[in-house]
Amino acid sequence: MEKIRAIQYGVGRMASYIMRYMLEKGIEIVGAVDVTPEIVGKDIGEIIGKEKMGILVTDAKDAKSLLEELKPDICVVTTRSFIGELEKPIILCASKGINVITTCEEAFYPMNSNPILTERIDKLAKENNCTITGSGYQDVYWGELVSSIAGSTQNIKKIKGSSSYNVEEYGIALAEAHGAGLTIAEFNEKIASLDRISDEEREAKMKRGEYLPSYMWNVNGWLCEKLGLTVKSQTQKCVPQTYSQDIYSNTLNMTIKSGDVTGMSAIVTTETEEGIVLETMCIGKVYGPDEFDKNIWTVEGEPTTTITVEKPNTVELTCATIVNRIPDVISAKPGYIPTSQLGNLKFKKEISK
């Protein structure tokens, strides 16, 4: 069996799991890229707690020459949360005919939040015969799990979802995207203000690549495609979260004062032509000592079914999902292909071409 050759782009906490998981399943890591001076030049073996492997982290400014030299089968991008922030590495890979899978939350279904950039990536990927997609925790626990429940339901009126996660576990980009560390006034100005714009203004922002969706915005689009539903309208409301005591954030390297923003909940409501409503909420914040991850979904109809996953290991589940999706991406048709079109995710003991 021929080994899949991968480059890890972004060598933070998530990458330490993903690289170990890839190696354990037989994927060959041929290179790694990062922007952080403290990480650039380090051996990836040190990063994942193993012996040195002779693969040193390359500075992102040299990523183009690295990709051209190594010609990997896939590039795993684990850096930021919005696809506009990943434009440079994704466009670079697509122009070189290199498949991409990313943990970027918006990349799960960017067609409904940044259509112009998505179309550009799609065109480039098709021209160079490669596939670009986004995956992670939402692929199963906000996606396939829900569509499977829907598949066992006779009639559906509403799909309701709620998922909470500790932003401390995902790095500074995600924490900042949730407003952690802001005052309430700063949150209302920088984040919640996007909820108060008109549909026309939102559409214009999307075309300019300026709209910053909550994670459920893209999940609802993914679910509608998977379930064959036609979106009629979609709205979003971001609500700041606070805690009754001061909380120290290791990720932000600061103490969040009582009453300031620890994160946010984002409620996305989607109405469809078929009459089915999706009402989903993600809650991302710096946890207090009594808080933990929880994932709850209800499909209301005949029958009504609720499934709850308490204390999921969200980081590990995200990383294992990414790795198990890699062969699906490599074998997929070219273009920007959401995982809703890649078939159900399957466990793979070993991964090869």
Protein backbone atom coordinates (compact mmCIF):
# COMPACT_ATOMS: atom_id res chain seq x y z
CA MET A 1 0.00 0.00 0.00
CA GLU A 2 1.25 3.45 -0.94
CA LYS A 3 1.46 5.96 1.91
CA ILE A 4 -0.42 9.25 1.86
CA ARG A 5 2.01 12.17 2.15
CA ALA A 6 0.75 15.13 4.22
CA ILE A 7 1.87 18.60 5.22
CA GLN A 8 0.60 20.09 8.47
CA TYR A 9 -0.15 23.82 8.08
CA GLY A 10 -0.50 25.40 11.52
CA VAL A 11 1.27 23.63 14.38
CA GLY A 12 -0.71 24.49 17.49
CA ARG A 13 -2.58 22.36 19.99
CA MET A 14 -4.96 20.74 17.50
CA ALA A 15 -2.06 19.88 15.20
CA SER A 16 -0.26 18.01 17.98
CA TYR A 17 -3.16 15.54 18.07
CA ILE A 18 -3.69 15.47 14.30
CA MET A 19 -0.02 14.78 13.53
CA ARG A 20 0.12 11.95 16.08
CA TYR A 21 -3.13 10.47 14.76
CA MET A 22 -1.86 10.64 11.16
CA LEU A 23 1.37 8.88 12.05
CA GLU A 24 -0.44 6.19 14.03
CA LYS A 25 -2.64 5.43 11.00
CA GLY A 26 0.23 5.22 8.54
CA ILE A 27 0.14 8.68 6.96
CA GLU A 28 3.58 10.12 6.28
CA ILE A 29 4.10 13.71 7.43
CA VAL A 30 6.59 15.23 5.02
CA GLY A 31 6.48 18.83 6.24
CA ALA A 32 4.95 21.35 8.61
CA VAL A 33 4.33 25.11 8.45
CA ASP A 34 3.71 27.79 11.07
CA VAL A 35 4.12 31.53 11.66
CA THR A 36 5.12 31.47 15.33
CA PRO A 37 8.85 32.14 15.83
CA GLU A 38 8.95 29.83 18.86
CA ILE A 39 7.60 26.93 16.77
CA VAL A 40 9.40 27.52 13.46
CA GLY A 41 12.50 25.30 13.29
CA LYS A 42 11.30 22.79 15.87
CA ASP A 43 11.18 19.09 15.02
CA ILE A 44 7.61 17.79 14.82
CA GLY A 45 8.62 14.81 16.95
CA GLU A 46 9.25 17.19 19.85
CA ILE A 47 5.87 18.83 19.31
CA ILE A 48 3.94 15.55 19.55
CA GLY A 49 6.04 14.16 22.41
CA LYS A 50 8.06 11.65 20.41
CA GLU A 51 11.68 11.33 19.32
CA LYS A 52 12.97 13.73 16.69
CA MET A 53 11.82 12.78 13.20
CA GLY A 54 13.96 15.06 11.06
CA ILE A 55 10.94 17.12 9.93
CA LEU A 56 11.37 20.74 10.99
CA VAL A 57 8.59 23.33 11.04
CA THR A 58 8.98 25.74 8.12
CA ASP A 59 8.18 29.44 8.30
CA ALA A 60 4.90 30.23 6.51
CA LYS A 61 6.68 32.74 4.27
CA ASP A 62 8.47 29.76 2.69
CA ALA A 63 5.34 27.61 2.34
CA LYS A 64 5.15 27.97 -1.45
CA SER A 65 8.63 26.56 -2.07
CA LEU A 66 8.00 23.78 0.47
CA LEU A 67 4.78 22.70 -1.26
CA GLU A 68 6.39 22.86 -4.69
CA GLU A 69 9.32 20.77 -3.52
CA LEU A 70 7.42 18.10 -1.58
CA LYS A 71 4.18 17.88 -3.62
CA PRO A 72 2.11 16.29 -0.80
CA ASP A 73 -1.17 14.48 -1.36
CA ILE A 74 -2.92 16.66 1.18
CA CYS A 75 -2.38 19.72 3.34
CA VAL A 76 -4.07 19.80 6.76
CA VAL A 77 -4.78 23.44 7.70
CA THR A 78 -5.41 24.18 11.38
CA THR A 79 -4.99 27.91 11.89
CA ARG A 80 -8.00 30.26 11.98
CA SER A 81 -11.81 30.11 12.19
CA PHE A 82 -12.90 32.13 9.13
CA ILE A 83 -12.21 31.09 5.55
CA GLY A 84 -11.12 34.60 4.57
CA GLU A 85 -8.24 34.21 7.03
CA LEU A 86 -7.21 31.01 5.21
CA GLU A 87 -7.39 32.47 1.72
CA LYS A 88 -3.63 32.53 1.19
CA PRO A 89 -2.79 28.89 2.13
CA ILE A 90 -5.91 27.45 0.51
CA ILE A 91 -5.46 29.36 -2.75
CA LEU A 92 -1.79 28.36 -2.75
CA CYS A 93 -2.65 24.67 -2.36
CA ALA A 94 -5.47 24.80 -4.91
CA SER A 95 -3.17 26.46 -7.46
CA LYS A 96 -0.63 23.64 -6.93
CA GLY A 97 -3.22 20.85 -7.19
CA ILE A 98 -2.87 19.89 -3.51
CA ASN A 99 -5.93 18.62 -1.61
CA VAL A 100 -6.85 20.51 1.57
CA ILE A 101 -8.80 19.60 4.69
CA THR A 102 -9.18 22.22 7.39
CA THR A 103 -10.61 22.59 10.88
CA CYS A 104 -11.71 26.15 9.98
CA GLU A 105 -15.30 26.27 11.21
CA GLU A 106 -16.62 28.51 8.42
CA ALA A 107 -15.01 26.20 5.86
CA PHE A 108 -17.54 23.50 6.83
CA TYR A 109 -20.06 25.17 4.49
CA PRO A 110 -18.76 28.58 3.34
CA MET A 111 -21.13 28.75 0.39
CA ASN A 112 -23.69 30.53 2.57
CA SER A 113 -21.33 33.07 4.18
CA ASN A 114 -18.47 33.85 1.77
CA PRO A 115 -19.73 32.69 -1.65
CA ILE A 116 -17.33 34.71 -3.82
CA LEU A 117 -14.17 33.33 -2.23
CA THR A 118 -15.68 29.83 -2.15
CA GLU A 119 -16.48 30.02 -5.86
CA ARG A 120 -12.94 31.22 -6.58
CA ILE A 121 -11.43 28.33 -4.63
CA ASP A 122 -13.83 25.88 -6.27
CA LYS A 123 -12.86 27.04 -9.77
CA LEU A 124 -9.15 26.87 -9.03
CA ALA A 125 -9.43 23.42 -7.44
CA LYS A 126 -11.33 22.09 -10.44
CA GLU A 127 -8.75 23.51 -12.83
CA ASN A 128 -5.95 21.78 -10.90
CA ASN A 129 -7.79 18.54 -10.05
CA CYS A 130 -7.80 18.75 -6.26
CA THR A 131 -10.41 18.87 -3.49
CA ILE A 132 -10.87 21.41 -0.70
CA THR A 133 -13.12 20.80 2.32
CA GLY A 134 -13.73 21.67 5.97
CA SER A 135 -14.38 19.10 8.67
CA GLY A 136 -14.01 18.45 12.39
CA TYR A 137 -16.32 17.94 15.36
CA GLN A 138 -19.30 19.43 13.53
CA ASP A 139 -18.98 16.86 10.73
CA VAL A 140 -20.45 14.16 12.98
CA TYR A 141 -21.89 15.77 16.10
CA TRP A 142 -23.64 18.70 14.41
CA GLY A 143 -24.03 17.04 11.01
CA GLU A 144 -24.18 13.29 10.42
CA LEU A 145 -25.64 12.56 13.85
CA VAL A 146 -28.52 14.94 13.17
CA SER A 147 -29.14 13.79 9.60
CA SER A 148 -29.24 10.17 10.81
CA ILE A 149 -31.90 11.00 13.41
CA ALA A 150 -33.84 12.86 10.72
CA GLY A 151 -33.61 9.76 8.53
CA SER A 152 -35.50 7.76 11.15
CA THR A 153 -38.32 10.34 11.44
CA GLN A 154 -41.60 10.26 9.54
CA ASN A 155 -42.43 13.98 9.69
CA ILE A 156 -40.24 16.86 10.87
CA LYS A 157 -41.43 20.26 12.15
CA LYS A 158 -38.28 21.63 13.70
CA ILE A 159 -34.65 20.69 14.34
CA LYS A 160 -33.19 22.20 17.49
CA GLY A 161 -29.54 21.98 18.46
CA SER A 162 -27.28 23.22 21.24
CA SER A 163 -23.57 22.59 21.66
CA SER A 164 -21.16 24.05 24.21
CA TYR A 165 -17.37 24.02 24.20
CA ASN A 166 -14.49 25.56 26.14
CA VAL A 167 -12.70 28.12 23.97
CA GLU A 168 -9.56 27.58 26.09
CA GLU A 169 -8.98 24.30 24.25
CA TYR A 170 -8.78 25.68 20.71
CA GLY A 171 -6.37 28.57 20.71
CA ILE A 172 -6.51 32.35 20.61
CA ALA A 173 -8.23 32.73 17.22
CA LEU A 174 -11.35 30.91 18.38
CA ALA A 175 -11.38 32.67 21.77
CA GLU A 176 -11.20 36.08 20.09
CA ALA A 177 -13.91 35.13 17.59
CA HIS A 178 -16.22 34.48 20.55
CA GLY A 179 -15.48 37.85 22.16
CA ALA A 180 -13.74 36.38 25.20
CA GLY A 181 -12.06 39.09 27.24
CA LEU A 182 -14.18 41.97 25.91
CA THR A 183 -16.43 44.19 27.95
CA ILE A 184 -20.16 44.00 27.23
CA ALA A 185 -19.97 47.33 25.40
CA GLU A 186 -17.05 46.13 23.27
CA PHE A 187 -18.90 42.90 22.48
CA ASN A 188 -22.00 44.78 21.36
CA GLU A 189 -19.89 47.01 19.12
CA LYS A 190 -17.54 44.43 17.59
CA ILE A 191 -19.63 41.25 17.43
CA ALA A 192 -23.34 41.70 18.17
CA SER A 193 -23.60 44.67 15.80
CA LEU A 194 -23.57 42.22 12.88
CA ASP A 195 -26.92 40.84 14.04
CA ARG A 196 -28.60 44.22 13.59
CA ILE A 197 -27.89 44.69 9.89
CA SER A 198 -30.51 44.21 7.19
CA ASP A 199 -30.63 41.21 4.86
CA GLU A 200 -29.36 43.46 2.06
CA GLU A 201 -26.41 44.66 4.15
CA ARG A 202 -25.59 41.09 5.15
CA GLU A 203 -25.67 39.98 1.53
CA ALA A 204 -23.34 42.81 0.57
CA LYS A 205 -20.93 41.91 3.37
CA MET A 206 -20.93 38.28 2.22
CA LYS A 207 -20.05 39.32 -1.32
CA ARG A 208 -17.18 41.40 0.01
CA GLY A 209 -16.01 38.57 2.27
CA GLU A 210 -16.61 40.68 5.37
CA TYR A 211 -19.37 38.68 7.07
CA LEU A 212 -18.30 36.79 10.19
CA PRO A 213 -20.79 33.96 10.76
CA SER A 214 -21.20 32.00 13.95
CA TYR A 215 -20.38 28.32 13.57
CA MET A 216 -24.03 27.23 13.40
CA TRP A 217 -24.63 29.53 10.43
CA ASN A 218 -22.57 27.21 8.26
CA VAL A 219 -23.85 24.07 10.01
CA ASN A 220 -27.43 24.99 9.15
CA GLY A 221 -26.44 25.37 5.49
CA TRP A 222 -24.71 21.96 5.59
CA LEU A 223 -27.76 20.31 7.20
CA CYS A 224 -30.16 21.83 4.68
CA GLU A 225 -28.07 20.51 1.79
CA LYS A 226 -27.74 17.08 3.41
CA LEU A 227 -31.48 16.86 4.08
CA GLY A 228 -32.52 18.27 0.70
CA LEU A 229 -34.08 21.42 2.19
CA THR A 230 -34.29 24.82 0.49
CA VAL A 231 -33.31 27.80 2.64
CA LYS A 232 -35.89 30.62 2.61
CA SER A 233 -34.35 32.84 5.27
CA GLN A 234 -31.64 32.71 7.92
CA THR A 235 -30.92 34.98 10.89
CA GLN A 236 -28.29 35.06 13.63
CA LYS A 237 -28.22 36.47 17.15
CA CYS A 238 -25.04 36.60 19.27
CA VAL A 239 -25.45 36.86 23.05
CA PRO A 240 -22.50 37.53 25.40
CA GLN A 241 -21.74 35.05 28.16
CA THR A 242 -20.42 36.10 31.56
CA TYR A 243 -19.40 34.42 34.81
CA SER A 244 -20.11 35.38 38.40
CA GLN A 245 -16.44 35.42 39.38
CA ASP A 246 -13.12 36.43 37.82
CA ILE A 247 -11.73 33.73 35.49
CA TYR A 248 -8.16 33.45 34.27
CA SER A 249 -7.74 32.55 30.59
CA ASN A 250 -4.50 30.79 29.70
CA THR A 251 -5.26 31.25 26.02
CA LEU A 252 -5.75 35.01 26.27
CA ASN A 253 -3.15 35.32 29.06
CA MET A 254 -5.47 37.54 31.06
CA THR A 255 -7.99 37.53 33.88
CA ILE A 256 -11.54 38.05 32.65
CA LYS A 257 -13.29 40.10 35.30
CA SER A 258 -16.68 39.16 36.67
CA GLY A 259 -19.33 40.62 34.37
CA ASP A 260 -17.01 40.84 31.35
CA VAL A 261 -17.41 38.54 28.38
CA THR A 262 -16.18 34.96 28.72
CA GLY A 263 -17.55 34.03 25.28
CA MET A 264 -20.88 33.96 23.52
CA SER A 265 -23.87 31.94 22.46
CA ALA A 266 -24.92 32.27 18.84
CA ILE A 267 -28.47 31.36 17.85
CA VAL A 268 -29.14 30.73 14.17
CA THR A 269 -32.70 30.32 12.88
CA THR A 270 -33.25 28.95 9.38
CA GLU A 271 -36.66 28.77 7.71
CA THR A 272 -37.02 26.46 4.71
CA GLU A 273 -39.41 26.28 1.77
CA GLU A 274 -40.45 22.85 3.01
CA GLY A 275 -41.72 24.31 6.30
CA ILE A 276 -39.03 22.76 8.49
CA VAL A 277 -37.29 25.22 10.86
CA LEU A 278 -33.74 24.80 12.12
CA GLU A 279 -32.97 26.55 15.41
CA THR A 280 -29.40 25.91 16.47
CA MET A 281 -27.13 27.37 19.11
CA CYS A 282 -23.42 27.08 19.84
CA ILE A 283 -22.06 28.24 23.18
CA GLY A 284 -18.32 28.91 23.24
CA LYS A 285 -16.73 30.44 26.32
CA VAL A 286 -13.99 30.24 28.90
CA TYR A 287 -15.40 27.70 31.32
CA GLY A 288 -15.84 28.14 35.02
CA PRO A 289 -14.95 25.16 37.25
CA ASP A 290 -18.52 23.83 37.17
CA GLU A 291 -19.01 23.93 33.37
CA PHE A 292 -18.43 21.24 30.73
CA ASP A 293 -19.07 20.38 27.07
CA LYS A 294 -22.54 19.22 26.10
CA ASN A 295 -24.19 18.48 22.76
CA ILE A 296 -28.02 18.27 22.58
CA TRP A 297 -30.14 17.83 19.45
CA THR A 298 -33.89 17.40 19.11
CA VAL A 299 -35.75 16.47 15.93
CA GLU A 300 -39.36 17.50 16.56
CA GLY A 301 -42.04 15.63 14.61
CA GLU A 302 -43.33 12.10 14.41
CA PRO A 303 -41.69 10.87 16.51
CA THR A 304 -39.80 13.53 18.46
CA THR A 305 -36.29 12.40 19.34
CA THR A 306 -33.65 13.99 21.56
CA ILE A 307 -30.06 12.85 21.80
CA THR A 308 -27.57 14.21 24.37
CA VAL A 309 -23.81 13.77 24.41
CA GLU A 310 -22.34 14.90 27.74
CA LYS A 311 -18.68 15.74 28.23
CA PRO A 312 -17.49 14.78 24.73
CA ASN A 313 -13.73 15.01 24.20
CA THR A 314 -14.30 17.68 21.58
CA VAL A 315 -10.65 18.33 20.71
CA GLU A 316 -9.79 14.65 20.20
CA LEU A 317 -13.05 14.02 18.31
CA THR A 318 -12.30 16.96 16.01
CA CYS A 319 -8.80 15.71 15.25
CA ALA A 320 -9.79 12.07 14.74
CA THR A 321 -12.56 13.20 12.36
CA ILE A 322 -10.07 15.21 10.31
CA VAL A 323 -7.71 12.25 9.97
CA ASN A 324 -10.44 9.72 9.12
CA ARG A 325 -11.76 12.12 6.44
CA ILE A 326 -8.41 12.39 4.61
CA PRO A 327 -8.91 9.44 2.20
CA ASP A 328 -12.45 10.69 1.44
CA VAL A 329 -11.01 14.05 0.39
CA ILE A 330 -8.28 12.51 -1.75
CA SER A 331 -10.75 10.29 -3.62
CA ALA A 332 -13.45 12.99 -4.04
CA LYS A 333 -14.27 14.88 -7.22
CA PRO A 334 -12.31 18.13 -7.65
CA GLY A 335 -13.60 21.44 -6.35
CA TYR A 336 -14.76 22.88 -3.07
CA ILE A 337 -16.72 19.87 -1.82
CA PRO A 338 -18.45 20.03 1.60
CA THR A 339 -18.44 16.79 3.60
CA SER A 340 -22.21 16.59 3.09
CA GLN A 341 -21.23 15.27 -0.36
CA LEU A 342 -18.42 12.93 0.78
CA GLY A 343 -20.56 10.16 2.27
CA ASN A 344 -20.78 9.03 5.88
CA LEU A 345 -17.58 9.15 7.90
CA LYS A 346 -16.10 5.74 8.70
CA PHE A 347 -13.52 4.55 11.19
CA LYS A 348 -10.25 3.59 9.54
CA LYS A 349 -7.63 1.56 11.41
CA GLU A 350 -5.05 2.27 8.74
CA ILE A 351 -5.05 4.95 6.06
CA SER A 352 -3.32 4.70 2.69
CA LYS A 353 -3.95 5.47 -0.97
